[in-house]
Protein backbone atom coordinates (compact mmCIF):
# COMPACT_ATOMS: atom_id res chain seq x y z
CA MET A 1 -219.70 49.19 21.25
CA LYS A 2 -219.92 45.44 22.29
CA LYS A 3 -223.16 44.39 23.24
CA ILE A 4 -223.27 42.05 26.27
CA LEU A 5 -226.47 40.02 27.00
CA PHE A 6 -226.66 38.43 30.49
CA LEU A 7 -229.27 35.82 30.65
CA THR A 8 -230.89 35.33 34.28
CA GLY A 9 -233.80 32.70 34.99
CA THR A 10 -233.47 32.70 39.12
CA ARG A 11 -232.80 34.98 42.18
CA ALA A 12 -229.72 33.00 42.65
CA ASP A 13 -227.94 33.59 39.60
CA PHE A 14 -228.92 37.01 39.54
CA GLY A 15 -227.45 37.94 42.76
CA LYS A 16 -224.44 36.22 41.44
CA LEU A 17 -224.40 37.94 38.03
CA LYS A 18 -225.23 41.78 39.54
CA PRO A 19 -221.96 42.84 40.19
CA LEU A 20 -220.82 41.70 36.53
CA MET A 21 -223.79 43.55 35.17
CA TYR A 22 -222.74 46.89 36.99
CA SER A 23 -218.94 46.55 35.71
CA VAL A 24 -220.56 45.86 31.90
CA GLU A 25 -223.27 48.81 32.44
CA LYS A 26 -220.35 51.19 33.99
CA HIS A 27 -217.98 50.43 30.91
CA PRO A 28 -218.03 53.14 28.15
CA ASP A 29 -216.92 50.17 25.39
CA PHE A 30 -219.56 48.11 26.32
CA GLU A 31 -223.82 48.04 25.99
CA LEU A 32 -225.25 45.80 28.71
CA GLN A 33 -228.51 43.54 27.87
CA ILE A 34 -230.43 41.37 30.11
CA PHE A 35 -232.69 38.65 28.96
CA VAL A 36 -235.17 37.78 32.05
CA THR A 37 -237.07 34.62 32.18
CA GLY A 38 -237.42 31.44 34.51
CA MET A 39 -238.24 31.98 37.98
CA HIS A 40 -238.08 35.55 37.59
CA THR A 41 -241.47 35.50 35.97
CA MET A 42 -243.63 33.48 38.30
CA ALA A 43 -245.69 35.07 40.73
CA LEU A 44 -245.67 32.05 43.02
CA TYR A 45 -242.03 32.57 43.62
CA GLY A 46 -242.08 36.78 44.16
CA ASN A 47 -242.09 37.72 40.61
CA THR A 48 -238.56 39.04 40.83
CA GLN A 49 -238.18 40.31 37.54
CA LEU A 50 -239.34 43.32 39.51
CA GLU A 51 -236.05 43.29 41.23
CA VAL A 52 -234.14 43.17 37.88
CA LYS A 53 -236.11 45.75 36.13
CA LYS A 54 -235.35 48.01 39.62
CA ALA A 55 -231.38 47.45 39.13
CA PHE A 56 -231.33 47.75 35.30
CA ASN A 57 -234.85 48.99 34.04
CA ASN A 58 -233.36 50.15 30.76
CA SER A 59 -231.58 46.94 29.75
CA VAL A 60 -234.07 44.35 30.48
CA HIS A 61 -236.06 42.10 28.04
CA VAL A 62 -238.74 39.78 29.62
CA PHE A 63 -239.82 36.52 28.15
CA TYR A 64 -242.14 33.88 29.79
CA ASN A 65 -240.73 30.61 29.67
CA GLN A 66 -243.09 28.24 31.53
CA HIS A 67 -246.05 27.90 33.62
CA THR A 68 -245.74 25.95 37.30
CA GLY A 69 -245.43 22.31 36.67
CA GLU A 70 -244.56 22.17 33.25
CA PRO A 71 -241.69 19.85 32.32
CA MET A 72 -238.27 20.76 32.02
CA GLU A 73 -237.85 19.71 29.13
CA ASP A 74 -240.68 22.16 27.65
CA THR A 75 -238.79 24.86 29.53
CA LEU A 76 -235.77 24.42 27.95
CA ALA A 77 -237.50 24.28 24.46
CA ASN A 78 -239.47 27.70 24.88
CA THR A 79 -236.25 29.33 26.22
CA ILE A 80 -234.63 28.03 23.16
CA LYS A 81 -237.32 29.38 21.35
CA GLY A 82 -237.64 33.05 22.73
CA LEU A 83 -233.94 33.63 23.07
CA SER A 84 -233.35 32.91 19.67
CA ARG A 85 -235.89 35.44 18.35
CA TYR A 86 -233.99 37.85 20.85
CA LEU A 87 -230.65 37.04 19.05
CA HIS A 88 -231.97 37.18 15.85
CA GLU A 89 -233.33 40.94 16.41
CA ASN A 90 -230.92 42.26 18.65
CA ARG A 91 -227.42 40.25 17.72
CA PRO A 92 -225.45 40.80 21.04
CA ASP A 93 -221.52 40.24 20.56
CA MET A 94 -221.48 37.97 23.91
CA LEU A 95 -224.31 35.98 25.99
CA VAL A 96 -223.56 35.40 29.32
CA ILE A 97 -224.72 32.23 31.33
CA HIS A 98 -224.03 31.33 34.67
CA GLY A 99 -224.10 27.66 36.14
CA ASP A 100 -225.96 24.80 35.76
CA ARG A 101 -230.51 25.61 35.40
CA VAL A 102 -232.11 24.81 32.32
CA GLU A 103 -232.14 28.39 31.06
CA ALA A 104 -228.30 28.43 31.09
CA LEU A 105 -228.36 25.43 28.77
CA ALA A 106 -230.83 26.86 26.39
CA GLY A 107 -228.54 30.06 26.42
CA ALA A 108 -225.33 27.80 25.45
CA VAL A 109 -227.14 26.05 22.96
CA THR A 110 -228.70 28.84 21.28
CA GLY A 111 -225.69 31.44 21.55
CA ALA A 112 -223.39 28.84 20.03
CA ILE A 113 -225.66 27.77 17.16
CA ASN A 114 -225.93 31.54 16.47
CA ASN A 115 -222.02 31.68 16.17
CA ILE A 116 -222.64 34.26 19.22
CA LEU A 117 -219.63 34.11 21.94
CA VAL A 118 -220.92 32.51 25.08
CA ALA A 119 -219.31 32.67 28.05
CA HIS A 120 -220.13 30.64 31.16
CA ILE A 121 -219.88 31.60 34.76
CA GLU A 122 -218.86 28.92 37.27
CA GLY A 123 -218.62 26.04 34.99
CA GLY A 124 -216.22 23.35 36.24
CA GLU A 125 -218.04 22.77 39.22
CA ARG A 126 -219.43 19.52 40.73
CA SER A 127 -222.75 19.61 42.20
CA GLY A 128 -224.35 16.12 41.86
CA THR A 129 -228.32 15.29 40.39
CA ILE A 130 -229.20 16.57 36.79
CA ASP A 131 -227.39 19.86 37.81
CA GLU A 132 -223.82 18.46 37.01
CA LEU A 133 -225.07 17.34 33.72
CA ILE A 134 -226.63 20.46 32.74
CA ARG A 135 -223.18 22.43 34.16
CA HIS A 136 -220.71 20.35 31.98
CA SER A 137 -223.12 20.69 28.74
CA ALA A 138 -223.26 24.24 29.10
CA SER A 139 -219.67 24.55 29.19
CA LYS A 140 -219.00 22.26 26.43
CA MET A 141 -221.42 24.75 24.18
CA SER A 142 -219.64 27.62 25.21
CA HIS A 143 -216.61 29.58 24.11
CA LEU A 144 -215.17 31.45 27.64
CA HIS A 145 -215.24 30.18 30.79
CA PHE A 146 -215.21 32.44 34.17
CA VAL A 147 -214.26 29.74 37.24
CA SER A 148 -214.38 30.11 40.59
CA ASN A 149 -211.00 28.46 41.19
CA ASP A 150 -208.20 26.01 39.98
CA GLU A 151 -210.07 22.97 40.28
CA ALA A 152 -212.79 24.09 38.16
CA ARG A 153 -210.44 25.46 35.55
CA ASN A 154 -208.68 21.75 35.65
CA ARG A 155 -211.90 20.02 35.24
CA LEU A 156 -212.78 22.09 32.03
CA LEU A 157 -209.25 21.32 30.62
CA GLN A 158 -209.91 18.01 31.22
CA MET A 159 -213.17 18.33 29.09
CA GLY A 160 -211.15 19.68 25.93
CA GLU A 161 -210.98 23.41 26.66
CA ALA A 162 -208.59 25.24 25.72
CA PRO A 163 -206.56 26.83 28.45
CA GLU A 164 -206.49 30.49 27.18
CA THR A 165 -210.30 30.72 27.21
CA VAL A 166 -210.72 29.82 30.79
CA HIS A 167 -210.06 32.54 33.37
CA ILE A 168 -210.33 32.04 37.17
CA ILE A 169 -211.97 34.82 38.60
CA GLY A 170 -213.80 34.03 41.48
CA SER A 171 -217.48 33.52 42.53
CA PRO A 172 -218.92 36.76 41.93
CA ASP A 173 -221.07 36.39 44.68
CA TYR A 174 -218.46 36.92 46.76
CA ASP A 175 -217.72 40.69 45.33
CA VAL A 176 -221.52 41.06 47.21
CA MET A 177 -220.49 39.35 50.57
CA LEU A 178 -217.49 41.41 50.79
CA SER A 179 -219.16 44.72 49.98
CA SER A 180 -219.70 47.36 52.70
CA ASN A 181 -223.15 47.93 51.33
CA LEU A 182 -225.02 45.20 52.50
CA PRO A 183 -228.11 46.16 55.11
CA ASP A 184 -227.87 45.35 58.65
CA LEU A 185 -229.88 43.28 60.49
CA LYS A 186 -232.27 45.92 61.49
CA GLU A 187 -232.95 47.02 58.25
CA VAL A 188 -233.45 43.13 57.10
CA PHE A 189 -235.84 42.52 59.95
CA ARG A 190 -238.20 45.57 59.20
CA TYR A 191 -238.42 44.86 55.92
CA TYR A 192 -239.65 41.29 56.39
CA GLN A 193 -241.16 41.92 59.96
CA LEU A 194 -239.17 39.73 61.59
CA ASP A 195 -239.02 39.41 65.17
CA PHE A 196 -237.12 36.38 65.96
CA SER A 197 -234.01 36.61 68.62
CA ARG A 198 -232.49 33.56 67.20
CA TYR A 199 -233.36 31.81 64.22
CA GLY A 200 -232.24 29.04 61.62
CA VAL A 201 -232.68 29.37 57.61
CA LEU A 202 -234.67 26.91 55.66
CA LEU A 203 -233.73 26.37 52.00
CA TYR A 204 -234.45 23.38 50.41
CA HIS A 205 -235.01 22.10 46.94
CA PRO A 206 -236.33 19.17 45.08
CA VAL A 207 -234.12 16.83 43.88
CA THR A 208 -235.23 15.76 40.80
CA THR A 209 -233.45 12.63 40.15
CA ARG A 210 -234.97 11.62 43.65
CA LEU A 211 -238.56 12.09 43.10
CA GLU A 212 -239.77 8.91 44.33
CA THR A 213 -238.76 9.94 48.01
CA LEU A 214 -239.42 13.74 47.83
CA SER A 215 -242.74 13.48 49.80
CA SER A 216 -241.31 11.34 52.20
CA ASP A 217 -238.12 13.06 52.66
CA THR A 218 -239.78 16.32 53.11
CA SER A 219 -242.27 15.16 55.40
CA VAL A 220 -239.21 13.95 57.74
CA LEU A 221 -237.29 17.44 57.28
CA ILE A 222 -240.29 19.36 58.43
CA ASP A 223 -241.05 17.23 61.09
CA SER A 224 -237.61 17.42 62.34
CA LEU A 225 -237.64 21.38 62.33
CA ILE A 226 -240.96 21.44 64.09
CA GLU A 227 -239.62 19.15 66.94
CA SER A 228 -236.73 21.22 67.29
CA GLU A 229 -238.77 24.37 68.72
CA ARG A 230 -236.22 26.53 66.94
CA ASN A 231 -237.21 29.40 64.96
CA TYR A 232 -236.83 29.10 61.21
CA VAL A 233 -236.69 31.75 58.29
CA VAL A 234 -238.00 29.67 55.36
CA ILE A 235 -237.82 30.32 51.58
CA TYR A 236 -239.32 28.79 48.95
CA PRO A 237 -237.57 26.51 46.82
CA ASN A 238 -236.48 26.87 43.18
CA ASN A 239 -239.07 25.98 40.52
CA ASP A 240 -237.68 22.51 39.33
CA GLU A 241 -239.83 19.62 39.18
CA GLY A 242 -241.31 18.62 42.66
CA SER A 243 -241.52 21.89 44.07
CA PRO A 244 -245.63 21.91 44.69
CA ILE A 245 -244.73 18.76 46.89
CA ILE A 246 -242.31 20.98 49.25
CA LEU A 247 -244.89 23.98 48.95
CA ASP A 248 -247.62 21.78 50.19
CA TYR A 249 -245.73 20.48 53.01
CA TYR A 250 -244.80 24.27 54.07
CA GLN A 251 -248.40 24.92 54.35
CA VAL A 252 -248.59 23.21 57.88
CA LEU A 253 -246.36 25.80 58.99
CA LEU A 254 -248.27 28.78 58.29
CA GLU A 255 -249.98 28.73 61.44
CA ASN A 256 -246.78 27.98 63.21
CA PRO A 257 -245.07 31.08 64.86
CA ARG A 258 -241.69 30.11 64.86
CA PHE A 259 -241.83 29.88 61.17
CA ARG A 260 -242.06 32.69 58.61
CA ILE A 261 -242.50 31.92 55.01
CA PHE A 262 -241.07 33.77 51.95
CA PRO A 263 -241.38 33.11 48.34
CA SER A 264 -238.22 34.77 47.68
CA MET A 265 -235.84 37.48 49.42
CA ARG A 266 -233.32 39.82 47.72
CA PHE A 267 -229.71 38.11 47.69
CA GLU A 268 -228.29 41.41 49.62
CA TYR A 269 -231.04 40.88 52.52
CA PHE A 270 -230.35 37.29 52.36
CA LEU A 271 -226.69 37.50 53.02
CA THR A 272 -227.36 39.52 56.21
CA LEU A 273 -229.97 37.17 57.41
CA LEU A 274 -227.45 34.44 56.64
CA ARG A 275 -224.60 35.92 58.38
CA HIS A 276 -226.52 36.50 61.62
CA ALA A 277 -228.47 32.99 61.51
CA ASP A 278 -227.62 30.08 64.02
CA HIS A 279 -227.48 27.65 61.13
CA ILE A 280 -228.92 26.99 57.54
CA ILE A 281 -230.55 23.87 57.00
CA GLY A 282 -231.63 21.98 53.61
CA ASN A 283 -229.70 21.16 50.52
CA SER A 284 -228.89 24.35 48.71
CA SER A 285 -225.57 25.40 47.63
CA ALA A 286 -225.75 28.24 49.95
CA GLY A 287 -225.17 26.04 53.01
CA VAL A 288 -221.85 25.05 51.34
CA ARG A 289 -220.47 27.86 49.85
CA GLU A 290 -221.81 31.37 51.37
CA ALA A 291 -222.57 29.75 55.04
CA PRO A 292 -218.95 28.61 55.84
CA PHE A 293 -217.61 32.42 54.68
CA TYR A 294 -219.64 33.71 57.48
CA GLY A 295 -218.85 31.13 59.67
CA VAL A 296 -222.52 30.13 59.91
CA PRO A 297 -223.00 26.04 60.30
CA ALA A 298 -224.49 24.23 57.77
CA ILE A 299 -226.68 21.20 57.82
CA ASN A 300 -226.56 19.38 54.17
CA VAL A 301 -229.45 16.97 54.27
CA GLY A 302 -229.60 14.35 51.90
CA ASP A 303 -227.13 14.21 48.71
CA ARG A 304 -228.10 17.24 46.55
CA GLN A 305 -224.66 18.76 47.24
CA ASN A 306 -222.75 15.59 47.90
CA CYS A 307 -220.11 16.51 45.10
CA ARG A 308 -219.74 19.80 46.07
CA PHE A 309 -216.31 21.12 48.03
CA ILE A 310 -217.45 20.73 51.83
CA GLY A 311 -215.71 23.11 54.27
CA GLU A 312 -215.77 22.82 58.16
CA GLY A 313 -218.56 23.55 59.79
CA VAL A 314 -221.02 21.60 57.38
CA PHE A 315 -222.88 18.64 58.71
CA ASN A 316 -223.94 16.12 56.07
CA VAL A 317 -227.16 13.97 57.27
CA PRO A 318 -229.51 11.74 55.59
CA PHE A 319 -233.31 12.12 55.84
CA ASN A 320 -233.79 10.87 59.42
CA LYS A 321 -234.99 12.68 62.12
CA ALA A 322 -232.74 11.75 65.06
CA GLU A 323 -229.67 12.82 62.67
CA ILE A 324 -231.38 15.64 61.74
CA LEU A 325 -232.15 16.77 65.22
CA ALA A 326 -228.72 15.73 66.41
CA ALA A 327 -227.35 17.64 63.91
CA ILE A 328 -229.29 21.11 64.72
CA GLU A 329 -227.88 20.60 68.69
CA SER A 330 -224.29 19.98 67.58
CA SER A 331 -224.23 23.02 65.17
CA GLN A 332 -225.21 25.61 67.90
CA GLY A 333 -222.30 27.68 69.15
CA ILE A 334 -219.96 26.53 66.31
CA ASP A 335 -218.09 29.29 64.15
CA SER A 336 -216.37 27.33 61.05
CA GLY A 337 -214.49 30.57 59.93
CA ASN A 338 -213.49 31.69 57.11
CA VAL A 339 -212.75 28.61 55.35
CA THR A 340 -213.88 29.02 51.92
CA CYS A 341 -212.96 32.76 51.14
CA GLU A 342 -209.78 31.78 49.15
CA TYR A 343 -211.40 28.60 47.78
CA PHE A 344 -213.92 30.58 46.04
CA GLY A 345 -212.31 33.99 45.03
CA SER A 346 -211.39 37.15 47.04
CA GLY A 347 -214.43 39.63 45.95
CA GLN A 348 -212.73 41.02 42.93
CA SER A 349 -214.20 38.64 40.39
CA ALA A 350 -216.28 42.06 38.52
CA ASP A 351 -213.00 43.52 38.09
CA LYS A 352 -211.10 40.41 36.56
CA PHE A 353 -214.42 40.03 34.57
CA ILE A 354 -214.21 43.23 32.73
CA GLN A 355 -210.48 43.59 32.45
CA CYS A 356 -210.87 40.20 30.17
CA LEU A 357 -213.55 41.37 28.12
CA SER A 358 -211.44 44.71 27.83
CA ASN A 359 -208.72 42.78 26.18
CA PRO A 360 -208.84 42.72 22.65
CA ARG A 361 -207.64 38.93 22.05
CA THR A 362 -211.22 37.98 23.89
CA TRP A 363 -212.84 39.21 20.73
CA THR A 364 -210.94 36.85 18.47
CA ILE A 365 -211.94 33.81 19.96
CA ASP A 366 -213.04 31.54 17.08
CA THR A 367 -216.89 30.53 17.57
CA GLN A 368 -215.80 27.32 15.93
CA LYS A 369 -214.39 25.36 18.79
CA LEU A 370 -211.92 22.77 18.69
CA PHE A 371 -211.25 19.88 21.27
CA MET A 372 -207.78 20.48 23.02
CA ASP A 373 -206.61 16.67 23.48
CA LYS A 374 -204.78 16.00 26.80
CA GLU A 375 -202.59 13.12 27.01
CA VAL A 376 -204.24 9.90 28.67
CA LEU A 377 -202.11 8.10 31.43
CA SER A 378 -202.30 3.97 30.54
């Protein structure tokens, strides 16, 4: 029986990895293991390790890799140390990482050094900021790639990855989005004690390469939302450097009845909330990925997502109050349609993932990688 270890460090990557985890758990030839760290372990962000344990209790190992405000490089080092100990004690056959977080980079480095097959989910995508550097670095340290689309696959081939190691499975969160098991809006409102008739969603993260303007940018955004006189469900940012600045500004919203603020939200509940929102605003990838699928307008503020695929119904605006308010007004009543469904997959990622793992050839991939040269046109 092959042991498949998933590394999850955030509420977002757990939501995406969950369909793949379930597929491994149900398969008779595989044993599921989950290494939980990062934001999951922090009470400030909802202590979401409890959500992971509720879904996969017997498979979970929790490692505390950071304290609030600790530099990203310390988090990287701590994660490498903790994961290294786990790998030496448990020797999984494959380590699965996701995306562009520092925990994913730690997983790729540690797995590769220990000659364990590393599988990277959603590599080959562009995003901007430090996230892009981390994503591509993690891909180069990985042996197997499960990407969302042809564009991502082509980028990995440009980076010297072997074609037989790059598999298009779509984005795993679409498996959840197309599921019939999502809660209805009444259940979401009851669980989170919401009573808005109409609302937007604010999901806003720090840009670690723009920290010098973070305070002023956040001030403009918050002032704009207050002035709009609309209702907002606000979800805490990720735990990147600069998040405490954003959280300080959120304090002014606590007594405002038009704003409800949550440290975290279950992924399935978030999707239902997003699906019925007037719009989503901020700089989260949910605005350029999940929102267009549901036909929900997205107002992308700043440049954090400037390299992403941008579908219809996405408004890109700078940190300028007049432009933000104009975008909020323009977004009302727009249905952008399911324009990104095909681009990011068809909701069959888990099936395609497990098919690949069930193929004996997958397990013959050499952990000694070779760069595959491509002809360069002069």
